[in-house]
Amino acid sequence: MGSAEDTVDGYRPWSEVTPDAARRLLVAAVDAFAERGYHATTTRDIAGRAGMSPAALYIHYKTKEELLHRISRIGHDKALEILTIAADGPGSAADRLDAAVRSFVRWHAAHHTTARVVQYELDALAPEHRSEIVELRRQSDAAVRRIIADGVAAGEFDVPDVPGTTLAVLSLCIDVARWFNAVGQRTPDEVGGLYADLVLRMVAARPSLAQ
């Protein structure tokens, strides 16, 4: 676990990227960016990891930044999908918040190499690409905020500051990608369960509704 192309829960990252050479380059870029950082990584580093020549990279990606943008867009689309499914799901607000946190944290743990690049290299994007990704992040924020607001309206949650609490919840979940270790004692599922419990306590969910 930990490689940018590990398959977890039936999801194979980057399967939407074709042809195979383009996918191999993207996977190599994820691993290189996660290990060395975007600015310290060269196109030669990426091509070498993919077992290809530097010239071959430019057949599929015009620039290193284009690679980062593709990685970031796919990752943020997946994050938004996870949170939207939970927000639109069945059950009480507590049920939906539990599902959102569990699945969001599990993805960040299981795909921590990818998630580190997706979540922490935003400032390396070109302005127009950064604006696009920021909009996706706003939509993710809105999905979680909707769940929390629903819980407040229904009397399930005691949250005086919904926007601030939303930011805290998302920050807590995203940070898992920074510290998670695949050879550690906790599995992604276990971390997801732990964080879901912590978040329900954070919003003061009534015990009868948090089960």
N, C-alpha and C. Protein backbone atom coordinates (compact mmCIF):
# COMPACT_ATOMS: atom_id res chain seq x y z
N MET A 1 0.85 -1.19 0.00
CA MET A 1 0.00 0.00 0.00
C MET A 1 0.88 1.24 0.00
N GLY A 2 0.37 2.31 -0.62
CA GLY A 2 1.13 3.55 -0.60
C GLY A 2 1.54 4.00 -1.97
N SER A 3 1.67 3.06 -2.91
CA SER A 3 1.99 3.45 -4.27
C SER A 3 0.84 4.23 -4.86
N ALA A 4 1.17 5.12 -5.80
CA ALA A 4 0.15 5.95 -6.43
C ALA A 4 -0.83 5.14 -7.27
N GLU A 5 -0.54 3.86 -7.50
CA GLU A 5 -1.46 3.06 -8.32
C GLU A 5 -2.03 1.86 -7.59
N ASP A 6 -1.96 1.84 -6.26
CA ASP A 6 -2.58 0.76 -5.50
C ASP A 6 -4.09 0.74 -5.71
N THR A 7 -4.65 -0.45 -5.83
CA THR A 7 -6.09 -0.62 -5.94
C THR A 7 -6.65 -0.88 -4.55
N VAL A 8 -7.62 -0.05 -4.12
CA VAL A 8 -8.22 -0.19 -2.79
C VAL A 8 -9.72 -0.07 -2.95
N ASP A 9 -10.46 -0.97 -2.29
CA ASP A 9 -11.93 -0.97 -2.36
C ASP A 9 -12.43 -1.01 -3.80
N GLY A 10 -11.69 -1.70 -4.66
CA GLY A 10 -12.11 -1.82 -6.05
C GLY A 10 -11.80 -0.61 -6.91
N TYR A 11 -11.21 0.42 -6.30
CA TYR A 11 -10.89 1.64 -7.04
C TYR A 11 -9.43 1.62 -7.45
N ARG A 12 -9.18 1.68 -8.74
CA ARG A 12 -7.81 1.73 -9.24
C ARG A 12 -7.52 3.16 -9.69
N PRO A 13 -6.68 3.87 -8.96
CA PRO A 13 -6.40 5.26 -9.33
C PRO A 13 -5.87 5.37 -10.76
N TRP A 14 -6.28 6.44 -11.41
CA TRP A 14 -5.77 6.81 -12.73
C TRP A 14 -6.24 5.88 -13.85
N SER A 15 -7.21 5.01 -13.58
CA SER A 15 -7.69 4.12 -14.64
C SER A 15 -8.34 4.92 -15.77
N GLU A 16 -8.75 6.16 -15.48
CA GLU A 16 -9.35 7.00 -16.51
C GLU A 16 -8.32 7.65 -17.42
N VAL A 17 -7.03 7.51 -17.09
CA VAL A 17 -5.97 8.13 -17.88
C VAL A 17 -5.49 7.16 -18.95
N THR A 18 -5.59 7.56 -20.19
CA THR A 18 -5.13 6.75 -21.31
C THR A 18 -4.34 7.62 -22.27
N PRO A 19 -3.46 7.01 -23.07
CA PRO A 19 -3.10 5.59 -23.13
C PRO A 19 -2.24 5.18 -21.94
N ASP A 20 -1.78 3.94 -21.96
CA ASP A 20 -1.01 3.41 -20.84
C ASP A 20 0.23 4.23 -20.55
N ALA A 21 0.89 4.72 -21.58
CA ALA A 21 2.11 5.51 -21.38
C ALA A 21 1.81 6.78 -20.60
N ALA A 22 0.68 7.41 -20.90
CA ALA A 22 0.30 8.62 -20.18
C ALA A 22 0.01 8.31 -18.72
N ARG A 23 -0.63 7.17 -18.48
CA ARG A 23 -0.92 6.78 -17.10
C ARG A 23 0.35 6.48 -16.33
N ARG A 24 1.29 5.78 -16.98
CA ARG A 24 2.57 5.46 -16.31
C ARG A 24 3.31 6.73 -15.94
N LEU A 25 3.30 7.71 -16.81
CA LEU A 25 3.97 8.98 -16.52
C LEU A 25 3.28 9.71 -15.37
N LEU A 26 1.97 9.67 -15.35
CA LEU A 26 1.24 10.34 -14.28
C LEU A 26 1.51 9.67 -12.93
N VAL A 27 1.50 8.35 -12.90
CA VAL A 27 1.80 7.62 -11.66
C VAL A 27 3.22 7.94 -11.19
N ALA A 28 4.16 7.98 -12.13
CA ALA A 28 5.55 8.32 -11.78
C ALA A 28 5.63 9.73 -11.22
N ALA A 29 4.86 10.64 -11.80
CA ALA A 29 4.86 12.02 -11.31
C ALA A 29 4.31 12.11 -9.89
N VAL A 30 3.24 11.38 -9.61
CA VAL A 30 2.68 11.38 -8.26
C VAL A 30 3.72 10.92 -7.25
N ASP A 31 4.37 9.81 -7.54
CA ASP A 31 5.38 9.29 -6.62
C ASP A 31 6.54 10.27 -6.44
N ALA A 32 6.97 10.89 -7.54
CA ALA A 32 8.09 11.84 -7.47
C ALA A 32 7.70 13.10 -6.71
N PHE A 33 6.52 13.64 -6.99
CA PHE A 33 6.07 14.85 -6.29
C PHE A 33 5.90 14.59 -4.80
N ALA A 34 5.37 13.41 -4.46
CA ALA A 34 5.16 13.07 -3.05
C ALA A 34 6.49 12.92 -2.32
N GLU A 35 7.47 12.35 -3.00
CA GLU A 35 8.78 12.10 -2.39
C GLU A 35 9.65 13.34 -2.33
N ARG A 36 9.68 14.12 -3.41
CA ARG A 36 10.63 15.22 -3.53
C ARG A 36 10.00 16.60 -3.51
N GLY A 37 8.69 16.66 -3.71
CA GLY A 37 8.03 17.94 -3.86
C GLY A 37 7.99 18.34 -5.33
N TYR A 38 7.00 19.11 -5.69
CA TYR A 38 6.82 19.49 -7.10
C TYR A 38 8.04 20.25 -7.64
N HIS A 39 8.48 21.25 -6.92
CA HIS A 39 9.54 22.13 -7.44
C HIS A 39 10.89 21.42 -7.55
N ALA A 40 11.14 20.44 -6.71
CA ALA A 40 12.42 19.73 -6.74
C ALA A 40 12.42 18.58 -7.75
N THR A 41 11.28 18.28 -8.32
CA THR A 41 11.17 17.19 -9.30
C THR A 41 11.34 17.73 -10.71
N THR A 42 12.14 17.04 -11.52
CA THR A 42 12.33 17.42 -12.92
C THR A 42 11.56 16.47 -13.83
N THR A 43 11.35 16.91 -15.06
CA THR A 43 10.70 16.02 -16.02
C THR A 43 11.55 14.79 -16.28
N ARG A 44 12.86 14.94 -16.18
CA ARG A 44 13.76 13.79 -16.34
C ARG A 44 13.52 12.78 -15.22
N ASP A 45 13.33 13.27 -13.99
CA ASP A 45 13.02 12.37 -12.86
C ASP A 45 11.76 11.56 -13.16
N ILE A 46 10.74 12.24 -13.63
CA ILE A 46 9.45 11.58 -13.90
C ILE A 46 9.59 10.54 -14.99
N ALA A 47 10.21 10.93 -16.10
CA ALA A 47 10.37 10.00 -17.21
C ALA A 47 11.19 8.79 -16.80
N GLY A 48 12.23 9.02 -16.01
CA GLY A 48 13.07 7.91 -15.55
C GLY A 48 12.29 6.92 -14.70
N ARG A 49 11.45 7.43 -13.80
CA ARG A 49 10.65 6.55 -12.96
C ARG A 49 9.67 5.72 -13.80
N ALA A 50 9.23 6.30 -14.91
CA ALA A 50 8.28 5.61 -15.77
C ALA A 50 8.98 4.70 -16.77
N GLY A 51 10.32 4.69 -16.76
CA GLY A 51 11.07 3.86 -17.70
C GLY A 51 11.00 4.38 -19.12
N MET A 52 10.90 5.71 -19.24
CA MET A 52 10.77 6.32 -20.55
C MET A 52 11.79 7.44 -20.71
N SER A 53 11.96 7.91 -21.92
CA SER A 53 12.89 9.01 -22.18
C SER A 53 12.20 10.33 -21.88
N PRO A 54 12.96 11.39 -21.53
CA PRO A 54 12.34 12.70 -21.29
C PRO A 54 11.53 13.19 -22.48
N ALA A 55 11.98 12.88 -23.68
CA ALA A 55 11.25 13.32 -24.87
C ALA A 55 9.87 12.68 -24.94
N ALA A 56 9.76 11.46 -24.45
CA ALA A 56 8.48 10.75 -24.51
C ALA A 56 7.42 11.43 -23.64
N LEU A 57 7.87 12.06 -22.57
CA LEU A 57 6.93 12.73 -21.66
C LEU A 57 6.14 13.81 -22.41
N TYR A 58 6.84 14.56 -23.27
CA TYR A 58 6.21 15.70 -23.93
C TYR A 58 5.21 15.29 -25.01
N ILE A 59 5.20 14.02 -25.35
CA ILE A 59 4.18 13.53 -26.28
C ILE A 59 2.80 13.57 -25.61
N HIS A 60 2.79 13.37 -24.29
CA HIS A 60 1.54 13.26 -23.55
C HIS A 60 1.23 14.48 -22.69
N TYR A 61 2.26 15.18 -22.23
CA TYR A 61 2.07 16.34 -21.36
C TYR A 61 3.01 17.45 -21.81
N LYS A 62 2.46 18.62 -22.04
CA LYS A 62 3.28 19.72 -22.55
C LYS A 62 4.27 20.23 -21.50
N THR A 63 3.84 20.21 -20.24
CA THR A 63 4.68 20.74 -19.16
C THR A 63 4.52 19.89 -17.90
N LYS A 64 5.41 20.10 -16.97
CA LYS A 64 5.30 19.45 -15.67
C LYS A 64 4.06 19.94 -14.94
N GLU A 65 3.72 21.21 -15.11
CA GLU A 65 2.54 21.77 -14.46
C GLU A 65 1.27 21.13 -14.99
N GLU A 66 1.25 20.78 -16.28
CA GLU A 66 0.08 20.10 -16.83
C GLU A 66 -0.14 18.75 -16.16
N LEU A 67 0.95 18.07 -15.86
CA LEU A 67 0.86 16.81 -15.13
C LEU A 67 0.26 17.03 -13.74
N LEU A 68 0.75 18.04 -13.04
CA LEU A 68 0.23 18.32 -11.71
C LEU A 68 -1.25 18.68 -11.76
N HIS A 69 -1.62 19.46 -12.76
CA HIS A 69 -3.03 19.84 -12.90
C HIS A 69 -3.91 18.61 -13.12
N ARG A 70 -3.47 17.70 -13.96
CA ARG A 70 -4.24 16.47 -14.23
C ARG A 70 -4.39 15.66 -12.95
N ILE A 71 -3.31 15.52 -12.22
CA ILE A 71 -3.34 14.79 -10.95
C ILE A 71 -4.31 15.45 -9.98
N SER A 72 -4.19 16.76 -9.85
CA SER A 72 -5.01 17.50 -8.89
C SER A 72 -6.47 17.46 -9.27
N ARG A 73 -6.77 17.57 -10.56
CA ARG A 73 -8.16 17.56 -11.00
C ARG A 73 -8.81 16.20 -10.72
N ILE A 74 -8.12 15.13 -11.05
CA ILE A 74 -8.68 13.80 -10.82
C ILE A 74 -8.88 13.56 -9.32
N GLY A 75 -7.90 13.94 -8.52
CA GLY A 75 -7.99 13.75 -7.08
C GLY A 75 -9.11 14.55 -6.45
N HIS A 76 -9.26 15.80 -6.87
CA HIS A 76 -10.33 16.63 -6.30
C HIS A 76 -11.70 16.21 -6.79
N ASP A 77 -11.79 15.72 -8.02
CA ASP A 77 -13.06 15.16 -8.49
C ASP A 77 -13.47 13.97 -7.63
N LYS A 78 -12.50 13.12 -7.29
CA LYS A 78 -12.79 11.95 -6.46
C LYS A 78 -13.22 12.38 -5.06
N ALA A 79 -12.53 13.36 -4.50
CA ALA A 79 -12.88 13.86 -3.17
C ALA A 79 -14.30 14.41 -3.16
N LEU A 80 -14.65 15.18 -4.18
CA LEU A 80 -15.99 15.75 -4.26
C LEU A 80 -17.03 14.64 -4.42
N GLU A 81 -16.73 13.64 -5.21
CA GLU A 81 -17.64 12.51 -5.39
C GLU A 81 -17.92 11.82 -4.06
N ILE A 82 -16.87 11.56 -3.29
CA ILE A 82 -17.02 10.89 -2.00
C ILE A 82 -17.93 11.68 -1.07
N LEU A 83 -17.70 12.98 -0.97
CA LEU A 83 -18.45 13.81 -0.04
C LEU A 83 -19.88 14.05 -0.52
N THR A 84 -20.07 14.17 -1.82
CA THR A 84 -21.41 14.38 -2.35
C THR A 84 -22.29 13.15 -2.16
N ILE A 85 -21.72 11.97 -2.39
CA ILE A 85 -22.47 10.74 -2.17
C ILE A 85 -22.93 10.65 -0.72
N ALA A 86 -22.05 10.99 0.20
CA ALA A 86 -22.42 10.94 1.62
C ALA A 86 -23.47 11.99 1.95
N ALA A 87 -23.29 13.20 1.43
CA ALA A 87 -24.23 14.29 1.72
C ALA A 87 -25.62 13.99 1.19
N ASP A 88 -25.69 13.30 0.07
CA ASP A 88 -26.98 12.98 -0.56
C ASP A 88 -27.53 11.63 -0.11
N GLY A 89 -26.82 10.97 0.79
CA GLY A 89 -27.20 9.62 1.20
C GLY A 89 -28.37 9.60 2.17
N PRO A 90 -28.78 8.40 2.55
CA PRO A 90 -29.92 8.23 3.46
C PRO A 90 -29.52 8.46 4.92
N GLY A 91 -30.53 8.55 5.76
CA GLY A 91 -30.28 8.62 7.19
C GLY A 91 -30.26 10.03 7.73
N SER A 92 -29.99 10.12 9.02
CA SER A 92 -29.94 11.40 9.71
C SER A 92 -28.67 12.16 9.31
N ALA A 93 -28.58 13.40 9.76
CA ALA A 93 -27.37 14.18 9.51
C ALA A 93 -26.16 13.50 10.15
N ALA A 94 -26.37 12.92 11.33
CA ALA A 94 -25.27 12.21 11.99
C ALA A 94 -24.81 11.01 11.17
N ASP A 95 -25.77 10.29 10.62
CA ASP A 95 -25.43 9.14 9.76
C ASP A 95 -24.62 9.61 8.55
N ARG A 96 -25.07 10.69 7.94
CA ARG A 96 -24.40 11.18 6.73
C ARG A 96 -23.02 11.77 7.03
N LEU A 97 -22.90 12.45 8.17
CA LEU A 97 -21.59 12.99 8.55
C LEU A 97 -20.63 11.86 8.87
N ASP A 98 -21.12 10.84 9.54
CA ASP A 98 -20.31 9.67 9.83
C ASP A 98 -19.81 9.04 8.52
N ALA A 99 -20.71 8.87 7.56
CA ALA A 99 -20.33 8.26 6.28
C ALA A 99 -19.33 9.13 5.53
N ALA A 100 -19.55 10.45 5.55
CA ALA A 100 -18.65 11.35 4.84
C ALA A 100 -17.24 11.29 5.41
N VAL A 101 -17.14 11.36 6.72
CA VAL A 101 -15.81 11.35 7.35
C VAL A 101 -15.13 10.00 7.17
N ARG A 102 -15.86 8.91 7.39
CA ARG A 102 -15.27 7.59 7.23
C ARG A 102 -14.69 7.39 5.83
N SER A 103 -15.48 7.72 4.82
CA SER A 103 -15.04 7.47 3.45
C SER A 103 -13.95 8.44 3.02
N PHE A 104 -14.06 9.68 3.45
CA PHE A 104 -13.06 10.69 3.08
C PHE A 104 -11.71 10.38 3.72
N VAL A 105 -11.74 10.03 4.99
CA VAL A 105 -10.49 9.67 5.69
C VAL A 105 -9.91 8.38 5.13
N ARG A 106 -10.77 7.40 4.88
CA ARG A 106 -10.28 6.13 4.34
C ARG A 106 -9.56 6.36 3.00
N TRP A 107 -10.12 7.21 2.16
CA TRP A 107 -9.46 7.49 0.87
C TRP A 107 -8.11 8.17 1.08
N HIS A 108 -8.05 9.13 1.99
CA HIS A 108 -6.79 9.84 2.24
C HIS A 108 -5.73 8.94 2.86
N ALA A 109 -6.15 7.94 3.62
CA ALA A 109 -5.20 7.01 4.20
C ALA A 109 -4.76 5.96 3.18
N ALA A 110 -5.73 5.35 2.52
CA ALA A 110 -5.42 4.29 1.56
C ALA A 110 -4.61 4.81 0.38
N HIS A 111 -4.85 6.06 -0.01
CA HIS A 111 -4.15 6.65 -1.15
C HIS A 111 -3.32 7.86 -0.69
N HIS A 112 -2.62 7.68 0.42
CA HIS A 112 -1.94 8.82 1.05
C HIS A 112 -0.86 9.44 0.16
N THR A 113 -0.20 8.64 -0.67
CA THR A 113 0.81 9.20 -1.57
C THR A 113 0.16 10.17 -2.55
N THR A 114 -0.89 9.71 -3.18
CA THR A 114 -1.63 10.57 -4.11
C THR A 114 -2.23 11.77 -3.39
N ALA A 115 -2.85 11.53 -2.24
CA ALA A 115 -3.54 12.60 -1.52
C ALA A 115 -2.59 13.70 -1.08
N ARG A 116 -1.36 13.35 -0.73
CA ARG A 116 -0.39 14.39 -0.34
C ARG A 116 -0.14 15.35 -1.49
N VAL A 117 -0.03 14.81 -2.69
CA VAL A 117 0.19 15.67 -3.86
C VAL A 117 -1.06 16.48 -4.16
N VAL A 118 -2.21 15.82 -4.16
CA VAL A 118 -3.47 16.48 -4.49
C VAL A 118 -3.76 17.63 -3.52
N GLN A 119 -3.54 17.40 -2.24
CA GLN A 119 -3.94 18.38 -1.23
C GLN A 119 -2.88 19.43 -0.90
N TYR A 120 -1.61 19.12 -1.12
CA TYR A 120 -0.56 20.02 -0.63
C TYR A 120 0.30 20.68 -1.70
N GLU A 121 0.01 20.46 -2.96
CA GLU A 121 0.79 21.10 -4.02
C GLU A 121 -0.06 22.11 -4.80
N LEU A 122 -1.13 22.57 -4.18
CA LEU A 122 -2.06 23.48 -4.85
C LEU A 122 -1.38 24.76 -5.34
N ASP A 123 -0.48 25.30 -4.54
CA ASP A 123 0.14 26.58 -4.88
C ASP A 123 1.08 26.51 -6.08
N ALA A 124 1.45 25.30 -6.50
CA ALA A 124 2.33 25.15 -7.65
C ALA A 124 1.58 25.22 -8.98
N LEU A 125 0.25 25.21 -8.92
CA LEU A 125 -0.55 25.27 -10.13
C LEU A 125 -0.55 26.67 -10.74
N ALA A 126 -0.71 26.73 -12.06
CA ALA A 126 -0.88 28.00 -12.74
C ALA A 126 -2.17 28.66 -12.25
N PRO A 127 -2.27 29.99 -12.28
CA PRO A 127 -3.44 30.69 -11.71
C PRO A 127 -4.78 30.16 -12.21
N GLU A 128 -4.90 29.91 -13.53
CA GLU A 128 -6.19 29.45 -14.04
C GLU A 128 -6.51 28.04 -13.56
N HIS A 129 -5.49 27.21 -13.42
CA HIS A 129 -5.71 25.86 -12.92
C HIS A 129 -5.99 25.88 -11.42
N ARG A 130 -5.33 26.74 -10.72
CA ARG A 130 -5.56 26.85 -9.28
C ARG A 130 -6.99 27.30 -9.01
N SER A 131 -7.49 28.25 -9.79
CA SER A 131 -8.87 28.72 -9.62
C SER A 131 -9.86 27.59 -9.85
N GLU A 132 -9.59 26.75 -10.82
CA GLU A 132 -10.46 25.61 -11.12
C GLU A 132 -10.51 24.64 -9.94
N ILE A 133 -9.35 24.36 -9.35
CA ILE A 133 -9.29 23.42 -8.23
C ILE A 133 -9.90 24.03 -6.98
N VAL A 134 -9.69 25.32 -6.77
CA VAL A 134 -10.28 26.00 -5.62
C VAL A 134 -11.80 25.91 -5.67
N GLU A 135 -12.38 25.99 -6.87
CA GLU A 135 -13.83 25.86 -7.01
C GLU A 135 -14.29 24.46 -6.61
N LEU A 136 -13.54 23.44 -6.98
CA LEU A 136 -13.89 22.07 -6.57
C LEU A 136 -13.80 21.94 -5.04
N ARG A 137 -12.83 22.58 -4.44
CA ARG A 137 -12.70 22.54 -2.99
C ARG A 137 -13.88 23.25 -2.32
N ARG A 138 -14.34 24.32 -2.93
CA ARG A 138 -15.52 25.02 -2.40
C ARG A 138 -16.74 24.10 -2.43
N GLN A 139 -16.86 23.34 -3.50
CA GLN A 139 -18.00 22.42 -3.61
C GLN A 139 -17.91 21.31 -2.56
N SER A 140 -16.71 20.83 -2.29
CA SER A 140 -16.52 19.83 -1.24
C SER A 140 -16.89 20.42 0.12
N ASP A 141 -16.44 21.64 0.35
CA ASP A 141 -16.77 22.35 1.59
C ASP A 141 -18.29 22.47 1.73
N ALA A 142 -18.95 22.81 0.62
CA ALA A 142 -20.39 23.00 0.66
C ALA A 142 -21.13 21.71 0.99
N ALA A 143 -20.62 20.57 0.51
CA ALA A 143 -21.26 19.29 0.80
C ALA A 143 -21.23 18.99 2.29
N VAL A 144 -20.07 19.19 2.91
CA VAL A 144 -19.95 18.93 4.35
C VAL A 144 -20.73 19.97 5.15
N ARG A 145 -20.66 21.22 4.70
CA ARG A 145 -21.39 22.28 5.40
C ARG A 145 -22.90 21.99 5.39
N ARG A 146 -23.39 21.46 4.28
CA ARG A 146 -24.82 21.14 4.18
C ARG A 146 -25.22 20.08 5.19
N ILE A 147 -24.38 19.07 5.36
CA ILE A 147 -24.69 18.02 6.34
C ILE A 147 -24.75 18.62 7.75
N ILE A 148 -23.75 19.43 8.08
CA ILE A 148 -23.69 20.01 9.43
C ILE A 148 -24.87 20.96 9.66
N ALA A 149 -25.18 21.77 8.65
CA ALA A 149 -26.32 22.69 8.79
C ALA A 149 -27.62 21.93 8.95
N ASP A 150 -27.77 20.82 8.23
CA ASP A 150 -28.96 19.99 8.39
C ASP A 150 -29.07 19.46 9.82
N GLY A 151 -27.92 19.06 10.37
CA GLY A 151 -27.91 18.54 11.73
C GLY A 151 -28.28 19.59 12.76
N VAL A 152 -27.82 20.81 12.54
CA VAL A 152 -28.17 21.91 13.44
C VAL A 152 -29.66 22.20 13.34
N ALA A 153 -30.17 22.27 12.12
CA ALA A 153 -31.59 22.58 11.92
C ALA A 153 -32.49 21.51 12.53
N ALA A 154 -32.03 20.26 12.51
CA ALA A 154 -32.83 19.16 13.05
C ALA A 154 -32.64 18.98 14.55
N GLY A 155 -31.74 19.77 15.14
CA GLY A 155 -31.48 19.63 16.56
C GLY A 155 -30.55 18.48 16.90
N GLU A 156 -29.90 17.89 15.89
CA GLU A 156 -28.97 16.78 16.12
C GLU A 156 -27.61 17.28 16.59
N PHE A 157 -27.18 18.43 16.07
CA PHE A 157 -25.85 18.95 16.35
C PHE A 157 -25.94 20.26 17.12
N ASP A 158 -24.94 20.50 17.95
CA ASP A 158 -24.81 21.78 18.64
C ASP A 158 -23.55 22.45 18.08
N VAL A 159 -23.73 23.26 17.04
CA VAL A 159 -22.60 23.88 16.34
C VAL A 159 -22.88 25.37 16.16
N PRO A 160 -22.26 26.22 16.97
CA PRO A 160 -22.49 27.66 16.84
C PRO A 160 -21.91 28.25 15.55
N ASP A 161 -20.84 27.66 15.04
CA ASP A 161 -20.15 28.20 13.86
C ASP A 161 -20.05 27.10 12.80
N VAL A 162 -21.04 27.05 11.90
CA VAL A 162 -21.06 25.98 10.90
C VAL A 162 -19.89 26.09 9.91
N PRO A 163 -19.60 27.27 9.34
CA PRO A 163 -18.47 27.36 8.41
C PRO A 163 -17.14 27.00 9.06
N GLY A 164 -16.91 27.49 10.27
CA GLY A 164 -15.66 27.19 10.96
C GLY A 164 -15.53 25.72 11.30
N THR A 165 -16.62 25.11 11.70
CA THR A 165 -16.60 23.68 12.02
C THR A 165 -16.38 22.85 10.77
N THR A 166 -16.98 23.26 9.66
CA THR A 166 -16.77 22.58 8.39
C THR A 166 -15.30 22.58 8.01
N LEU A 167 -14.66 23.74 8.14
CA LEU A 167 -13.24 23.85 7.84
C LEU A 167 -12.41 22.95 8.76
N ALA A 168 -12.77 22.89 10.02
CA ALA A 168 -12.04 22.05 10.97
C ALA A 168 -12.18 20.57 10.61
N VAL A 169 -13.38 20.16 10.23
CA VAL A 169 -13.62 18.76 9.88
C VAL A 169 -12.80 18.38 8.65
N LEU A 170 -12.86 19.20 7.61
CA LEU A 170 -12.12 18.89 6.39
C LEU A 170 -10.62 18.90 6.62
N SER A 171 -10.14 19.85 7.40
CA SER A 171 -8.70 19.92 7.69
C SER A 171 -8.24 18.68 8.45
N LEU A 172 -9.04 18.24 9.39
CA LEU A 172 -8.72 17.04 10.16
C LEU A 172 -8.60 15.83 9.25
N CYS A 173 -9.56 15.69 8.34
CA CYS A 173 -9.57 14.54 7.43
C CYS A 173 -8.39 14.57 6.46
N ILE A 174 -8.16 15.73 5.86
CA ILE A 174 -7.10 15.87 4.86
C ILE A 174 -5.72 15.61 5.45
N ASP A 175 -5.53 16.00 6.71
CA ASP A 175 -4.21 15.86 7.33
C ASP A 175 -3.78 14.41 7.48
N VAL A 176 -4.72 13.48 7.39
CA VAL A 176 -4.38 12.06 7.46
C VAL A 176 -3.35 11.70 6.39
N ALA A 177 -3.46 12.30 5.22
CA ALA A 177 -2.52 12.00 4.12
C ALA A 177 -1.10 12.36 4.49
N ARG A 178 -0.94 13.33 5.37
CA ARG A 178 0.41 13.79 5.73
C ARG A 178 1.13 12.81 6.66
N TRP A 179 0.38 12.16 7.57
CA TRP A 179 1.05 11.34 8.56
C TRP A 179 0.83 9.83 8.41
N PHE A 180 -0.18 9.43 7.63
CA PHE A 180 -0.51 8.01 7.59
C PHE A 180 0.65 7.18 7.05
N ASN A 181 0.88 6.05 7.72
CA ASN A 181 1.95 5.14 7.34
C ASN A 181 1.33 3.77 7.08
N ALA A 182 1.53 3.26 5.88
CA ALA A 182 0.90 2.00 5.50
C ALA A 182 1.36 0.83 6.35
N VAL A 183 2.54 0.94 6.96
CA VAL A 183 3.04 -0.16 7.81
C VAL A 183 2.78 0.12 9.29
N GLY A 184 1.97 1.14 9.56
CA GLY A 184 1.63 1.46 10.94
C GLY A 184 0.62 0.49 11.52
N GLN A 185 0.18 0.77 12.74
CA GLN A 185 -0.69 -0.14 13.47
C GLN A 185 -2.15 -0.04 13.05
N ARG A 186 -2.56 1.07 12.47
CA ARG A 186 -3.97 1.27 12.11
C ARG A 186 -4.18 1.13 10.61
N THR A 187 -5.28 0.51 10.23
CA THR A 187 -5.65 0.39 8.83
C THR A 187 -6.44 1.64 8.42
N PRO A 188 -6.61 1.89 7.12
CA PRO A 188 -7.44 3.01 6.69
C PRO A 188 -8.86 2.95 7.27
N ASP A 189 -9.44 1.76 7.33
CA ASP A 189 -10.79 1.62 7.91
C ASP A 189 -10.80 2.01 9.38
N GLU A 190 -9.78 1.61 10.11
CA GLU A 190 -9.72 1.94 11.54
C GLU A 190 -9.55 3.44 11.75
N VAL A 191 -8.73 4.06 10.95
CA VAL A 191 -8.55 5.51 11.07
C VAL A 191 -9.85 6.22 10.70
N GLY A 192 -10.54 5.73 9.66
CA GLY A 192 -11.81 6.31 9.28
C GLY A 192 -12.83 6.24 10.41
N GLY A 193 -12.89 5.10 11.09
CA GLY A 193 -13.82 4.95 12.21
C GLY A 193 -13.47 5.86 13.36
N LEU A 194 -12.17 5.97 13.67
CA LEU A 194 -11.72 6.84 14.75
C LEU A 194 -12.09 8.29 14.47
N TYR A 195 -11.82 8.75 13.26
CA TYR A 195 -12.08 10.14 12.92
C TYR A 195 -13.58 10.44 12.85
N ALA A 196 -14.36 9.48 12.39
CA ALA A 196 -15.81 9.68 12.37
C ALA A 196 -16.34 9.89 13.79
N ASP A 197 -15.84 9.10 14.74
CA ASP A 197 -16.24 9.25 16.13
C ASP A 197 -15.82 10.60 16.68
N LEU A 198 -14.59 11.03 16.36
CA LEU A 198 -14.09 12.32 16.84
C LEU A 198 -14.93 13.47 16.30
N VAL A 199 -15.28 13.38 15.02
CA VAL A 199 -16.05 14.47 14.41
C VAL A 199 -17.47 14.54 14.99
N LEU A 200 -18.09 13.39 15.22
CA LEU A 200 -19.42 13.41 15.82
C LEU A 200 -19.37 13.99 17.23
N ARG A 201 -18.30 13.75 17.94
CA ARG A 201 -18.13 14.38 19.26
C ARG A 201 -17.93 15.88 19.10
N MET A 202 -17.21 16.26 18.04
CA MET A 202 -16.93 17.68 17.80
C MET A 202 -18.22 18.46 17.60
N VAL A 203 -19.16 17.87 16.89
CA VAL A 203 -20.42 18.58 16.61
C VAL A 203 -21.46 18.31 17.69
N ALA A 204 -21.04 17.60 18.75
CA ALA A 204 -21.93 17.31 19.87
C ALA A 204 -23.18 16.57 19.44
N ALA A 205 -22.97 15.57 18.58
CA ALA A 205 -24.10 14.77 18.11
C ALA A 205 -24.72 14.03 19.29
N ARG A 206 -26.03 13.99 19.34
CA ARG A 206 -26.70 13.27 20.41
C ARG A 206 -26.41 11.77 20.26
N PRO A 207 -26.00 11.10 21.33
CA PRO A 207 -25.59 9.69 21.25
C PRO A 207 -26.59 8.79 20.53
N SER A 208 -27.88 8.99 20.75
CA SER A 208 -28.87 8.12 20.15
C SER A 208 -28.89 8.24 18.62
N LEU A 209 -28.44 9.39 18.10
CA LEU A 209 -28.43 9.62 16.68
C LEU A 209 -27.08 9.37 16.06
N ALA A 210 -26.05 9.24 16.88
CA ALA A 210 -24.70 9.05 16.38
C ALA A 210 -24.34 7.59 16.22
N GLN A 211 -25.23 6.70 16.66
CA GLN A 211 -24.92 5.27 16.57
C GLN A 211 -25.16 4.78 15.16
